[in-house]
Amino acid sequence: MRYLLLLLFFVGCSNIQAPEQSDLQLPEKSNLQVPKQSSIGEEIYKDRCVACHGENGEKLALGKSEAIGGWDKEKTEKVFEGYLNNTYGKELKALMKMQIGHMSKERLVQLAEYISTLSGKE
């Protein structure tokens, strides 16, 4: 009995045909814009850095630092390391150490990656 039901099922399914290519209706290309997802580095930058360094890294933080826009990831990572071990920075060294001292290495790398995308232009 079981085999008979299986046989009937497969015979019944064999009559199902795939639609012809011309029968398929594809939607027209949409103008819907998918919002850009921000990165963790971007979120950190906007939360902790943008006030002093500017939207594109164009500002001289508190009028004392150089603009960070245009820095590559490696330079930024070395600067972070210098702030953390007191081998980099002048009068803003303590402030920067407070800004990044609590962040994990992974977060600092993500922030450095985002900074490397900044143009440095207003």
PDB file of N, CA and C in Angstrom:
ATOM      1  N   MET A   1       0.826  -1.187   0.000  1.00  0.00           N
ATOM      2  CA  MET A   1       0.000   0.000   0.000  1.00  0.00           C
ATOM      3  C   MET A   1       0.881   1.265   0.000  1.00  0.00           C
ATOM      4  N   ARG A   2       1.921   1.243   0.842  1.00  0.00           N
ATOM      5  CA  ARG A   2       2.823   2.381   0.918  1.00  0.00           C
ATOM      6  C   ARG A   2       3.477   2.646  -0.441  1.00  0.00           C
ATOM      7  N   TYR A   3       3.909   1.604  -1.090  1.00  0.00           N
ATOM      8  CA  TYR A   3       4.567   1.739  -2.389  1.00  0.00           C
ATOM      9  C   TYR A   3       3.609   2.273  -3.443  1.00  0.00           C
ATOM     10  N   LEU A   4       2.354   1.857  -3.369  1.00  0.00           N
ATOM     11  CA  LEU A   4       1.355   2.337  -4.308  1.00  0.00           C
ATOM     12  C   LEU A   4       1.141   3.840  -4.138  1.00  0.00           C
ATOM     13  N   LEU A   5       1.088   4.317  -2.879  1.00  0.00           N
ATOM     14  CA  LEU A   5       0.917   5.745  -2.624  1.00  0.00           C
ATOM     15  C   LEU A   5       2.121   6.536  -3.128  1.00  0.00           C
ATOM     16  N   LEU A   6       3.313   6.019  -2.899  1.00  0.00           N
ATOM     17  CA  LEU A   6       4.513   6.690  -3.388  1.00  0.00           C
ATOM     18  C   LEU A   6       4.526   6.752  -4.908  1.00  0.00           C
ATOM     19  N   LEU A   7       4.133   5.654  -5.543  1.00  0.00           N
ATOM     20  CA  LEU A   7       4.089   5.607  -6.998  1.00  0.00           C
ATOM     21  C   LEU A   7       3.096   6.630  -7.531  1.00  0.00           C
ATOM     22  N   LEU A   8       1.925   6.720  -6.913  1.00  0.00           N
ATOM     23  CA  LEU A   8       0.919   7.684  -7.346  1.00  0.00           C
ATOM     24  C   LEU A   8       1.405   9.125  -7.141  1.00  0.00           C
ATOM     25  N   PHE A   9       2.118   9.343  -6.043  1.00  0.00           N
ATOM     26  CA  PHE A   9       2.643  10.676  -5.757  1.00  0.00           C
ATOM     27  C   PHE A   9       3.631  11.097  -6.846  1.00  0.00           C
ATOM     28  N   PHE A  10       4.582  10.228  -7.161  1.00  0.00           N
ATOM     29  CA  PHE A  10       5.591  10.566  -8.163  1.00  0.00           C
ATOM     30  C   PHE A  10       5.000  10.698  -9.561  1.00  0.00           C
ATOM     31  N   VAL A  11       4.036   9.864  -9.892  1.00  0.00           N
ATOM     32  CA  VAL A  11       3.382   9.965 -11.205  1.00  0.00           C
ATOM     33  C   VAL A  11       2.616  11.276 -11.282  1.00  0.00           C
ATOM     34  N   GLY A  12       1.949  11.657 -10.204  1.00  0.00           N
ATOM     35  CA  GLY A  12       1.201  12.911 -10.181  1.00  0.00           C
ATOM     36  C   GLY A  12       2.124  14.109 -10.273  1.00  0.00           C
ATOM     37  N   CYS A  13       3.274  14.042  -9.644  1.00  0.00           N
ATOM     38  CA  CYS A  13       4.226  15.155  -9.679  1.00  0.00           C
ATOM     39  C   CYS A  13       4.933  15.271 -11.011  1.00  0.00           C
ATOM     40  N   SER A  14       4.982  14.195 -11.762  1.00  0.00           N
ATOM     41  CA  SER A  14       5.706  14.243 -13.032  1.00  0.00           C
ATOM     42  C   SER A  14       4.984  15.096 -14.067  1.00  0.00           C
ATOM     43  N   ASN A  15       3.728  15.416 -13.845  1.00  0.00           N
ATOM     44  CA  ASN A  15       2.982  16.250 -14.784  1.00  0.00           C
ATOM     45  C   ASN A  15       3.195  17.737 -14.537  1.00  0.00           C
ATOM     46  N   ILE A  16       3.854  18.094 -13.429  1.00  0.00           N
ATOM     47  CA  ILE A  16       4.104  19.501 -13.125  1.00  0.00           C
ATOM     48  C   ILE A  16       5.231  19.981 -14.022  1.00  0.00           C
ATOM     49  N   GLN A  17       5.023  21.079 -14.704  1.00  0.00           N
ATOM     50  CA  GLN A  17       6.038  21.605 -15.604  1.00  0.00           C
ATOM     51  C   GLN A  17       6.527  22.951 -15.101  1.00  0.00           C
ATOM     52  N   ALA A  18       7.780  23.198 -15.332  1.00  0.00           N
ATOM     53  CA  ALA A  18       8.351  24.500 -14.987  1.00  0.00           C
ATOM     54  C   ALA A  18       7.809  25.531 -15.963  1.00  0.00           C
ATOM     55  N   PRO A  19       7.618  26.761 -15.512  1.00  0.00           N
ATOM     56  CA  PRO A  19       7.115  27.793 -16.427  1.00  0.00           C
ATOM     57  C   PRO A  19       8.135  28.076 -17.518  1.00  0.00           C
ATOM     58  N   GLU A  20       7.634  28.445 -18.661  1.00  0.00           N
ATOM     59  CA  GLU A  20       8.509  28.834 -19.761  1.00  0.00           C
ATOM     60  C   GLU A  20       9.236  30.120 -19.376  1.00  0.00           C
ATOM     61  N   GLN A  21      10.408  30.305 -19.945  1.00  0.00           N
ATOM     62  CA  GLN A  21      11.199  31.502 -19.650  1.00  0.00           C
ATOM     63  C   GLN A  21      10.405  32.770 -19.934  1.00  0.00           C
ATOM     64  N   SER A  22       9.617  32.764 -21.006  1.00  0.00           N
ATOM     65  CA  SER A  22       8.848  33.952 -21.377  1.00  0.00           C
ATOM     66  C   SER A  22       7.688  34.210 -20.415  1.00  0.00           C
ATOM     67  N   ASP A  23       7.293  33.207 -19.629  1.00  0.00           N
ATOM     68  CA  ASP A  23       6.197  33.375 -18.689  1.00  0.00           C
ATOM     69  C   ASP A  23       6.636  34.080 -17.405  1.00  0.00           C
ATOM     70  N   LEU A  24       7.924  34.091 -17.149  1.00  0.00           N
ATOM     71  CA  LEU A  24       8.415  34.690 -15.911  1.00  0.00           C
ATOM     72  C   LEU A  24       8.357  36.207 -16.002  1.00  0.00           C
ATOM     73  N   GLN A  25       7.786  36.825 -15.001  1.00  0.00           N
ATOM     74  CA  GLN A  25       7.697  38.274 -14.944  1.00  0.00           C
ATOM     75  C   GLN A  25       8.641  38.766 -13.855  1.00  0.00           C
ATOM     76  N   LEU A  26       9.704  39.404 -14.266  1.00  0.00           N
ATOM     77  CA  LEU A  26      10.659  39.943 -13.306  1.00  0.00           C
ATOM     78  C   LEU A  26      10.312  41.399 -13.037  1.00  0.00           C
ATOM     79  N   PRO A  27      10.484  41.833 -11.795  1.00  0.00           N
ATOM     80  CA  PRO A  27      10.173  43.234 -11.490  1.00  0.00           C
ATOM     81  C   PRO A  27      11.159  44.165 -12.195  1.00  0.00           C
ATOM     82  N   GLU A  28      10.666  45.349 -12.524  1.00  0.00           N
ATOM     83  CA  GLU A  28      11.534  46.358 -13.115  1.00  0.00           C
ATOM     84  C   GLU A  28      12.565  46.780 -12.076  1.00  0.00           C
ATOM     85  N   LYS A  29      13.679  47.295 -12.531  1.00  0.00           N
ATOM     86  CA  LYS A  29      14.714  47.768 -11.619  1.00  0.00           C
ATOM     87  C   LYS A  29      14.136  48.870 -10.740  1.00  0.00           C
ATOM     88  N   SER A  30      14.340  48.738  -9.462  1.00  0.00           N
ATOM     89  CA  SER A  30      13.772  49.677  -8.513  1.00  0.00           C
ATOM     90  C   SER A  30      14.734  50.829  -8.255  1.00  0.00           C
ATOM     91  N   ASN A  31      14.185  51.975  -7.971  1.00  0.00           N
ATOM     92  CA  ASN A  31      14.989  53.126  -7.576  1.00  0.00           C
ATOM     93  C   ASN A  31      15.157  53.186  -6.068  1.00  0.00           C
ATOM     94  N   LEU A  32      14.715  52.156  -5.395  1.00  0.00           N
ATOM     95  CA  LEU A  32      14.821  52.105  -3.954  1.00  0.00           C
ATOM     96  C   LEU A  32      16.285  52.122  -3.545  1.00  0.00           C
ATOM     97  N   GLN A  33      16.627  53.034  -2.694  1.00  0.00           N
ATOM     98  CA  GLN A  33      17.997  53.146  -2.210  1.00  0.00           C
ATOM     99  C   GLN A  33      18.128  52.404  -0.886  1.00  0.00           C
ATOM    100  N   VAL A  34      19.053  51.486  -0.829  1.00  0.00           N
ATOM    101  CA  VAL A  34      19.313  50.761   0.410  1.00  0.00           C
ATOM    102  C   VAL A  34      20.239  51.628   1.242  1.00  0.00           C
ATOM    103  N   PRO A  35      19.859  51.924   2.478  1.00  0.00           N
ATOM    104  CA  PRO A  35      20.719  52.794   3.279  1.00  0.00           C
ATOM    105  C   PRO A  35      22.058  52.124   3.559  1.00  0.00           C
ATOM    106  N   LYS A  36      23.098  52.935   3.526  1.00  0.00           N
ATOM    107  CA  LYS A  36      24.445  52.435   3.800  1.00  0.00           C
ATOM    108  C   LYS A  36      24.527  52.072   5.284  1.00  0.00           C
ATOM    109  N   GLN A  37      25.037  50.897   5.550  1.00  0.00           N
ATOM    110  CA  GLN A  37      25.199  50.515   6.939  1.00  0.00           C
ATOM    111  C   GLN A  37      26.512  51.089   7.440  1.00  0.00           C
ATOM    112  N   SER A  38      26.453  51.719   8.579  1.00  0.00           N
ATOM    113  CA  SER A  38      27.674  52.294   9.114  1.00  0.00           C
ATOM    114  C   SER A  38      28.499  51.203   9.777  1.00  0.00           C
ATOM    115  N   SER A  39      29.786  51.423   9.758  1.00  0.00           N
ATOM    116  CA  SER A  39      30.699  50.472  10.381  1.00  0.00           C
ATOM    117  C   SER A  39      30.844  50.807  11.861  1.00  0.00           C
ATOM    118  N   ILE A  40      31.389  49.884  12.588  1.00  0.00           N
ATOM    119  CA  ILE A  40      31.654  50.139  14.009  1.00  0.00           C
ATOM    120  C   ILE A  40      32.637  51.289  14.142  1.00  0.00           C
ATOM    121  N   GLY A  41      33.657  51.299  13.275  1.00  0.00           N
ATOM    122  CA  GLY A  41      34.633  52.388  13.301  1.00  0.00           C
ATOM    123  C   GLY A  41      33.982  53.741  13.077  1.00  0.00           C
ATOM    124  N   GLU A  42      33.029  53.793  12.155  1.00  0.00           N
ATOM    125  CA  GLU A  42      32.313  55.041  11.892  1.00  0.00           C
ATOM    126  C   GLU A  42      31.496  55.461  13.103  1.00  0.00           C
ATOM    127  N   GLU A  43      30.840  54.502  13.734  1.00  0.00           N
ATOM    128  CA  GLU A  43      30.044  54.821  14.928  1.00  0.00           C
ATOM    129  C   GLU A  43      30.932  55.375  16.042  1.00  0.00           C
ATOM    130  N   ILE A  44      32.089  54.747  16.253  1.00  0.00           N
ATOM    131  CA  ILE A  44      33.022  55.236  17.275  1.00  0.00           C
ATOM    132  C   ILE A  44      33.476  56.647  16.928  1.00  0.00           C
ATOM    133  N   TYR A  45      33.858  56.844  15.668  1.00  0.00           N
ATOM    134  CA  TYR A  45      34.340  58.160  15.244  1.00  0.00           C
ATOM    135  C   TYR A  45      33.279  59.232  15.484  1.00  0.00           C
ATOM    136  N   LYS A  46      32.054  58.961  15.080  1.00  0.00           N
ATOM    137  CA  LYS A  46      30.991  59.942  15.249  1.00  0.00           C
ATOM    138  C   LYS A  46      30.683  60.206  16.715  1.00  0.00           C
ATOM    139  N   ASP A  47      30.835  59.201  17.536  1.00  0.00           N
ATOM    140  CA  ASP A  47      30.553  59.336  18.964  1.00  0.00           C
ATOM    141  C   ASP A  47      31.679  60.044  19.723  1.00  0.00           C
ATOM    142  N   ARG A  48      32.932  59.728  19.385  1.00  0.00           N
ATOM    143  CA  ARG A  48      34.039  60.171  20.223  1.00  0.00           C
ATOM    144  C   ARG A  48      35.022  61.127  19.563  1.00  0.00           C
ATOM    145  N   CYS A  49      35.005  61.248  18.241  1.00  0.00           N
ATOM    146  CA  CYS A  49      36.078  61.982  17.562  1.00  0.00           C
ATOM    147  C   CYS A  49      35.626  63.205  16.762  1.00  0.00           C
ATOM    148  N   VAL A  50      34.416  63.131  16.209  1.00  0.00           N
ATOM    149  CA  VAL A  50      33.980  64.136  15.249  1.00  0.00           C
ATOM    150  C   VAL A  50      33.949  65.551  15.825  1.00  0.00           C
ATOM    151  N   ALA A  51      33.662  65.708  17.091  1.00  0.00           N
ATOM    152  CA  ALA A  51      33.568  67.044  17.684  1.00  0.00           C
ATOM    153  C   ALA A  51      34.887  67.804  17.573  1.00  0.00           C
ATOM    154  N   CYS A  52      35.987  67.123  17.761  1.00  0.00           N
ATOM    155  CA  CYS A  52      37.298  67.786  17.688  1.00  0.00           C
ATOM    156  C   CYS A  52      37.951  67.669  16.315  1.00  0.00           C
ATOM    157  N   HIS A  53      37.796  66.534  15.652  1.00  0.00           N
ATOM    158  CA  HIS A  53      38.508  66.289  14.397  1.00  0.00           C
ATOM    159  C   HIS A  53      37.696  66.612  13.140  1.00  0.00           C
ATOM    160  N   GLY A  54      36.391  66.848  13.289  1.00  0.00           N
ATOM    161  CA  GLY A  54      35.554  67.187  12.143  1.00  0.00           C
ATOM    162  C   GLY A  54      35.006  65.963  11.436  1.00  0.00           C
ATOM    163  N   GLU A  55      33.969  66.190  10.646  1.00  0.00           N
ATOM    164  CA  GLU A  55      33.264  65.119   9.937  1.00  0.00           C
ATOM    165  C   GLU A  55      34.189  64.311   9.029  1.00  0.00           C
ATOM    166  N   ASN A  56      35.147  64.985   8.403  1.00  0.00           N
ATOM    167  CA  ASN A  56      36.056  64.321   7.465  1.00  0.00           C
ATOM    168  C   ASN A  56      37.509  64.335   7.940  1.00  0.00           C
ATOM    169  N   GLY A  57      37.709  64.542   9.228  1.00  0.00           N
ATOM    170  CA  GLY A  57      39.068  64.587   9.769  1.00  0.00           C
ATOM    171  C   GLY A  57      39.819  65.836   9.359  1.00  0.00           C
ATOM    172  N   GLU A  58      39.083  66.894   9.008  1.00  0.00           N
ATOM    173  CA  GLU A  58      39.686  68.108   8.458  1.00  0.00           C
ATOM    174  C   GLU A  58      40.119  69.116   9.512  1.00  0.00           C
ATOM    175  N   LYS A  59      39.642  68.990  10.728  1.00  0.00           N
ATOM    176  CA  LYS A  59      39.934  69.978  11.765  1.00  0.00           C
ATOM    177  C   LYS A  59      41.241  69.676  12.493  1.00  0.00           C
ATOM    178  N   LEU A  60      41.865  70.740  12.950  1.00  0.00           N
ATOM    179  CA  LEU A  60      43.000  70.619  13.855  1.00  0.00           C
ATOM    180  C   LEU A  60      42.382  70.567  15.251  1.00  0.00           C
ATOM    181  N   ALA A  61      42.401  69.421  15.880  1.00  0.00           N
ATOM    182  CA  ALA A  61      41.689  69.227  17.150  1.00  0.00           C
ATOM    183  C   ALA A  61      42.142  70.270  18.179  1.00  0.00           C
ATOM    184  N   LEU A  62      41.165  71.011  18.667  1.00  0.00           N
ATOM    185  CA  LEU A  62      41.390  72.090  19.627  1.00  0.00           C
ATOM    186  C   LEU A  62      42.452  73.070  19.145  1.00  0.00           C
ATOM    187  N   GLY A  63      42.627  73.134  17.834  1.00  0.00           N
ATOM    188  CA  GLY A  63      43.600  74.046  17.225  1.00  0.00           C
ATOM    189  C   GLY A  63      45.042  73.638  17.455  1.00  0.00           C
ATOM    190  N   LYS A  64      45.288  72.429  17.925  1.00  0.00           N
ATOM    191  CA  LYS A  64      46.648  72.034  18.291  1.00  0.00           C
ATOM    192  C   LYS A  64      47.189  70.832  17.519  1.00  0.00           C
ATOM    193  N   SER A  65      46.330  69.932  17.086  1.00  0.00           N
ATOM    194  CA  SER A  65      46.828  68.715  16.422  1.00  0.00           C
ATOM    195  C   SER A  65      46.831  68.902  14.912  1.00  0.00           C
ATOM    196  N   GLU A  66      47.415  67.960  14.206  1.00  0.00           N
ATOM    197  CA  GLU A  66      47.307  67.990  12.747  1.00  0.00           C
ATOM    198  C   GLU A  66      45.996  67.327  12.350  1.00  0.00           C
ATOM    199  N   ALA A  67      45.522  67.638  11.159  1.00  0.00           N
ATOM    200  CA  ALA A  67      44.294  67.015  10.652  1.00  0.00           C
ATOM    201  C   ALA A  67      44.576  65.539  10.376  1.00  0.00           C
ATOM    202  N   ILE A  68      43.634  64.678  10.759  1.00  0.00           N
ATOM    203  CA  ILE A  68      43.845  63.233  10.596  1.00  0.00           C
ATOM    204  C   ILE A  68      43.253  62.689   9.305  1.00  0.00           C
ATOM    205  N   GLY A  69      42.463  63.481   8.609  1.00  0.00           N
ATOM    206  CA  GLY A  69      41.898  63.045   7.342  1.00  0.00           C
ATOM    207  C   GLY A  69      43.009  62.746   6.347  1.00  0.00           C
ATOM    208  N   GLY A  70      42.938  61.605   5.700  1.00  0.00           N
ATOM    209  CA  GLY A  70      43.975  61.216   4.752  1.00  0.00           C
ATOM    210  C   GLY A  70      45.039  60.303   5.355  1.00  0.00           C
ATOM    211  N   TRP A  71      45.033  60.142   6.663  1.00  0.00           N
ATOM    212  CA  TRP A  71      45.989  59.214   7.283  1.00  0.00           C
ATOM    213  C   TRP A  71      45.627  57.788   6.868  1.00  0.00           C
ATOM    214  N   ASP A  72      46.647  56.960   6.650  1.00  0.00           N
ATOM    215  CA  ASP A  72      46.355  55.556   6.370  1.00  0.00           C
ATOM    216  C   ASP A  72      46.174  54.788   7.685  1.00  0.00           C
ATOM    217  N   LYS A  73      45.667  53.603   7.566  1.00  0.00           N
ATOM    218  CA  LYS A  73      45.334  52.780   8.739  1.00  0.00           C
ATOM    219  C   LYS A  73      46.558  52.520   9.603  1.00  0.00           C
ATOM    220  N   GLU A  74      47.678  52.216   8.977  1.00  0.00           N
ATOM    221  CA  GLU A  74      48.888  51.884   9.732  1.00  0.00           C
ATOM    222  C   GLU A  74      49.374  53.081  10.554  1.00  0.00           C
ATOM    223  N   LYS A  75      49.368  54.267   9.966  1.00  0.00           N
ATOM    224  CA  LYS A  75      49.794  55.460  10.703  1.00  0.00           C
ATOM    225  C   LYS A  75      48.887  55.688  11.910  1.00  0.00           C
ATOM    226  N   THR A  76      47.594  55.572  11.691  1.00  0.00           N
ATOM    227  CA  THR A  76      46.647  55.792  12.781  1.00  0.00           C
ATOM    228  C   THR A  76      46.846  54.770  13.898  1.00  0.00           C
ATOM    229  N   GLU A  77      47.061  53.507  13.544  1.00  0.00           N
ATOM    230  CA  GLU A  77      47.300  52.481  14.564  1.00  0.00           C
ATOM    231  C   GLU A  77      48.571  52.782  15.359  1.00  0.00           C
ATOM    232  N   LYS A  78      49.629  53.247  14.686  1.00  0.00           N
ATOM    233  CA  LYS A  78      50.876  53.599  15.392  1.00  0.00           C
ATOM    234  C   LYS A  78      50.661  54.779  16.321  1.00  0.00           C
ATOM    235  N   VAL A  79      49.879  55.751  15.882  1.00  0.00           N
ATOM    236  CA  VAL A  79      49.581  56.910  16.725  1.00  0.00           C
ATOM    237  C   VAL A  79      48.792  56.461  17.961  1.00  0.00           C
ATOM    238  N   PHE A  80      47.793  55.601  17.766  1.00  0.00           N
ATOM    239  CA  PHE A  80      47.032  55.083  18.907  1.00  0.00           C
ATOM    240  C   PHE A  80      47.961  54.388  19.892  1.00  0.00           C
ATOM    241  N   GLU A  81      48.839  53.552  19.366  1.00  0.00           N
ATOM    242  CA  GLU A  81      49.782  52.832  20.221  1.00  0.00           C
ATOM    243  C   GLU A  81      50.678  53.814  20.981  1.00  0.00           C
ATOM    244  N   GLY A  82      51.114  54.864  20.298  1.00  0.00           N
ATOM    245  CA  GLY A  82      51.937  55.888  20.935  1.00  0.00           C
ATOM    246  C   GLY A  82      51.207  56.624  22.051  1.00  0.00           C
ATOM    247  N   TYR A  83      49.940  56.944  21.830  1.00  0.00           N
ATOM    248  CA  TYR A  83      49.159  57.578  22.893  1.00  0.00           C
ATOM    249  C   TYR A  83      49.059  56.652  24.101  1.00  0.00           C
ATOM    250  N   LEU A  84      48.815  55.384  23.844  1.00  0.00           N
ATOM    251  CA  LEU A  84      48.611  54.437  24.941  1.00  0.00           C
ATOM    252  C   LEU A  84      49.888  54.156  25.731  1.00  0.00           C
ATOM    253  N   ASN A  85      51.056  54.198  25.081  1.00  0.00           N
ATOM    254  CA  ASN A  85      52.297  53.936  25.829  1.00  0.00           C
ATOM    255  C   ASN A  85      53.132  55.196  26.046  1.00  0.00           C
ATOM    256  N   ASN A  86      52.498  56.365  25.869  1.00  0.00           N
ATOM    257  CA  ASN A  86      53.107  57.675  26.142  1.00  0.00           C
ATOM    258  C   ASN A  86      54.338  57.991  25.301  1.00  0.00           C
ATOM    259  N   THR A  87      54.376  57.502  24.068  1.00  0.00           N
ATOM    260  CA  THR A  87      55.503  57.821  23.192  1.00  0.00           C
ATOM    261  C   THR A  87      55.096  58.747  22.052  1.00  0.00           C
ATOM    262  N   TYR A  88      53.852  59.166  22.017  1.00  0.00           N
ATOM    263  CA  TYR A  88      53.372  60.043  20.954  1.00  0.00           C
ATOM    264  C   TYR A  88      52.450  61.085  21.559  1.00  0.00           C
ATOM    265  N   GLY A  89      52.517  62.271  20.999  1.00  0.00           N
ATOM    266  CA  GLY A  89      51.583  63.323  21.379  1.00  0.00           C
ATOM    267  C   GLY A  89      52.262  64.422  22.170  1.00  0.00           C
ATOM    268  N   LYS A  90      51.606  65.559  22.177  1.00  0.00           N
ATOM    269  CA  LYS A  90      52.128  66.721  22.893  1.00  0.00           C
ATOM    270  C   LYS A  90      51.130  67.079  23.982  1.00  0.00           C
ATOM    271  N   GLU A  91      50.607  68.299  23.928  1.00  0.00           N
ATOM    272  CA  GLU A  91      49.712  68.740  25.000  1.00  0.00           C
ATOM    273  C   GLU A  91      48.371  68.018  25.026  1.00  0.00           C
ATOM    274  N   LEU A  92      47.978  67.335  23.959  1.00  0.00           N
ATOM    275  CA  LEU A  92      46.703  66.609  23.947  1.00  0.00           C
ATOM    276  C   LEU A  92      46.861  65.111  24.239  1.00  0.00           C
ATOM    277  N   LYS A  93      48.070  64.696  24.591  1.00  0.00           N
ATOM    278  CA  LYS A  93      48.335  63.271  24.814  1.00  0.00           C
ATOM    279  C   LYS A  93      47.422  62.676  25.887  1.00  0.00           C
ATOM    280  N   ALA A  94      47.276  63.335  27.002  1.00  0.00           N
ATOM    281  CA  ALA A  94      46.445  62.808  28.093  1.00  0.00           C
ATOM    282  C   ALA A  94      44.980  62.715  27.670  1.00  0.00           C
ATOM    283  N   LEU A  95      44.496  63.728  26.960  1.00  0.00           N
ATOM    284  CA  LEU A  95      43.118  63.721  26.485  1.00  0.00           C
ATOM    285  C   LEU A  95      42.888  62.552  25.532  1.00  0.00           C
ATOM    286  N   MET A  96      43.817  62.356  24.604  1.00  0.00           N
ATOM    287  CA  MET A  96      43.661  61.259  23.648  1.00  0.00           C
ATOM    288  C   MET A  96      43.759  59.903  24.339  1.00  0.00           C
ATOM    289  N   LYS A  97      44.613  59.793  25.327  1.00  0.00           N
ATOM    290  CA  LYS A  97      44.723  58.524  26.061  1.00  0.00           C
ATOM    291  C   LYS A  97      43.403  58.205  26.758  1.00  0.00           C
ATOM    292  N   MET A  98      42.731  59.232  27.283  1.00  0.00           N
ATOM    293  CA  MET A  98      41.420  59.005  27.899  1.00  0.00           C
ATOM    294  C   MET A  98      40.385  58.615  26.852  1.00  0.00           C
ATOM    295  N   GLN A  99      40.476  59.183  25.663  1.00  0.00           N
ATOM    296  CA  GLN A  99      39.508  58.889  24.611  1.00  0.00           C
ATOM    297  C   GLN A  99      39.607  57.452  24.110  1.00  0.00           C
ATOM    298  N   ILE A 100      40.819  56.912  24.009  1.00  0.00           N
ATOM    299  CA  ILE A 100      40.994  55.584  23.412  1.00  0.00           C
ATOM    300  C   ILE A 100      41.451  54.511  24.388  1.00  0.00           C
ATOM    301  N   GLY A 101      41.840  54.899  25.593  1.00  0.00           N
ATOM    302  CA  GLY A 101      42.425  53.950  26.548  1.00  0.00           C
ATOM    303  C   GLY A 101      41.520  52.802  26.947  1.00  0.00           C
ATOM    304  N   HIS A 102      40.246  52.993  26.890  1.00  0.00           N
ATOM    305  CA  HIS A 102      39.290  51.942  27.285  1.00  0.00           C
ATOM    306  C   HIS A 102      38.923  51.002  26.138  1.00  0.00           C
ATOM    307  N   MET A 103      39.353  51.326  24.908  1.00  0.00           N
ATOM    308  CA  MET A 103      38.943  50.549  23.739  1.00  0.00           C
ATOM    309  C   MET A 103      39.824  49.310  23.555  1.00  0.00           C
ATOM    310  N   SER A 104      39.194  48.255  23.069  1.00  0.00           N
ATOM    311  CA  SER A 104      39.945  47.029  22.756  1.00  0.00           C
ATOM    312  C   SER A 104      40.790  47.261  21.507  1.00  0.00           C
ATOM    313  N   LYS A 105      41.771  46.407  21.311  1.00  0.00           N
ATOM    314  CA  LYS A 105      42.613  46.469  20.117  1.00  0.00           C
ATOM    315  C   LYS A 105      41.743  46.370  18.855  1.00  0.00           C
ATOM    316  N   GLU A 106      40.750  45.486  18.898  1.00  0.00           N
ATOM    317  CA  GLU A 106      39.853  45.303  17.753  1.00  0.00           C
ATOM    318  C   GLU A 106      39.117  46.602  17.422  1.00  0.00           C
ATOM    319  N   ARG A 107      38.623  47.292  18.441  1.00  0.00           N
ATOM    320  CA  ARG A 107      37.899  48.554  18.216  1.00  0.00           C
ATOM    321  C   ARG A 107      38.838  49.627  17.663  1.00  0.00           C
ATOM    322  N   LEU A 108      40.076  49.659  18.161  1.00  0.00           N
ATOM    323  CA  LEU A 108      41.040  50.640  17.664  1.00  0.00           C
ATOM    324  C   LEU A 108      41.369  50.378  16.191  1.00  0.00           C
ATOM    325  N   VAL A 109      41.462  49.122  15.802  1.00  0.00           N
ATOM    326  CA  VAL A 109      41.707  48.771  14.397  1.00  0.00           C
ATOM    327  C   VAL A 109      40.514  49.210  13.550  1.00  0.00           C
ATOM    328  N   GLN A 110      39.302  48.972  14.033  1.00  0.00           N
ATOM    329  CA  GLN A 110      38.102  49.384  13.293  1.00  0.00           C
ATOM    330  C   GLN A 110      38.045  50.904  13.142  1.00  0.00           C
ATOM    331  N   LEU A 111      38.414  51.610  14.194  1.00  0.00           N
ATOM    332  CA  LEU A 111      38.440  53.070  14.140  1.00  0.00           C
ATOM    333  C   LEU A 111      39.517  53.535  13.157  1.00  0.00           C
ATOM    334  N   ALA A 112      40.678  52.935  13.198  1.00  0.00           N
ATOM    335  CA  ALA A 112      41.762  53.292  12.268  1.00  0.00           C
ATOM    336  C   ALA A 112      41.348  53.032  10.822  1.00  0.00           C
ATOM    337  N   GLU A 113      40.645  51.941  10.593  1.00  0.00           N
ATOM    338  CA  GLU A 113      40.157  51.642   9.241  1.00  0.00           C
ATOM    339  C   GLU A 113      39.200  52.731   8.770  1.00  0.00           C
ATOM    340  N   TYR A 114      38.318  53.165   9.654  1.00  0.00           N
ATOM    341  CA  TYR A 114      37.379  54.216   9.256  1.00  0.00           C
ATOM    342  C   TYR A 114      38.120  55.533   9.008  1.00  0.00           C
ATOM    343  N   ILE A 115      39.026  55.893   9.878  1.00  0.00           N
ATOM    344  CA  ILE A 115      39.781  57.141   9.704  1.00  0.00           C
ATOM    345  C   ILE A 115      40.505  57.143   8.360  1.00  0.00           C
ATOM    346  N   SER A 116      40.977  55.989   7.924  1.00  0.00           N
ATOM    347  CA  SER A 116      41.694  55.905   6.640  1.00  0.00           C
ATOM    348  C   SER A 116      40.785  56.228   5.448  1.00  0.00           C
ATOM    349  N   THR A 117      39.476  56.230   5.655  1.00  0.00           N
ATOM    350  CA  THR A 117      38.548  56.561   4.563  1.00  0.00           C
ATOM    351  C   THR A 117      38.207  58.055   4.503  1.00  0.00           C
ATOM    352  N   LEU A 118      38.641  58.812   5.492  1.00  0.00           N
ATOM    353  CA  LEU A 118      38.298  60.227   5.560  1.00  0.00           C
ATOM    354  C   LEU A 118      39.148  61.039   4.595  1.00  0.00           C
ATOM    355  N   SER A 119      38.542  62.013   3.971  1.00  0.00           N
ATOM    356  CA  SER A 119      39.220  62.797   2.948  1.00  0.00           C
ATOM    357  C   SER A 119      40.074  63.924   3.518  1.00  0.00           C
ATOM    358  N   GLY A 120      39.702  64.412   4.698  1.00  0.00           N
ATOM    359  CA  GLY A 120      40.418  65.566   5.251  1.00  0.00           C
ATOM    360  C   GLY A 120      39.941  66.879   4.672  1.00  0.00           C
ATOM    361  N   LYS A 121      38.916  66.845   3.842  1.00  0.00           N
ATOM    362  CA  LYS A 121      38.394  68.059   3.200  1.00  0.00           C
ATOM    363  C   LYS A 121      37.027  68.388   3.755  1.00  0.00           C
ATOM    364  N   GLU A 122      36.765  69.667   3.895  1.00  0.00           N
ATOM    365  CA  GLU A 122      35.463  70.106   4.394  1.00  0.00           C
ATOM    366  C   GLU A 122      34.378  69.856   3.394  1.00  0.00           C
TER     367      GLU A 122
END
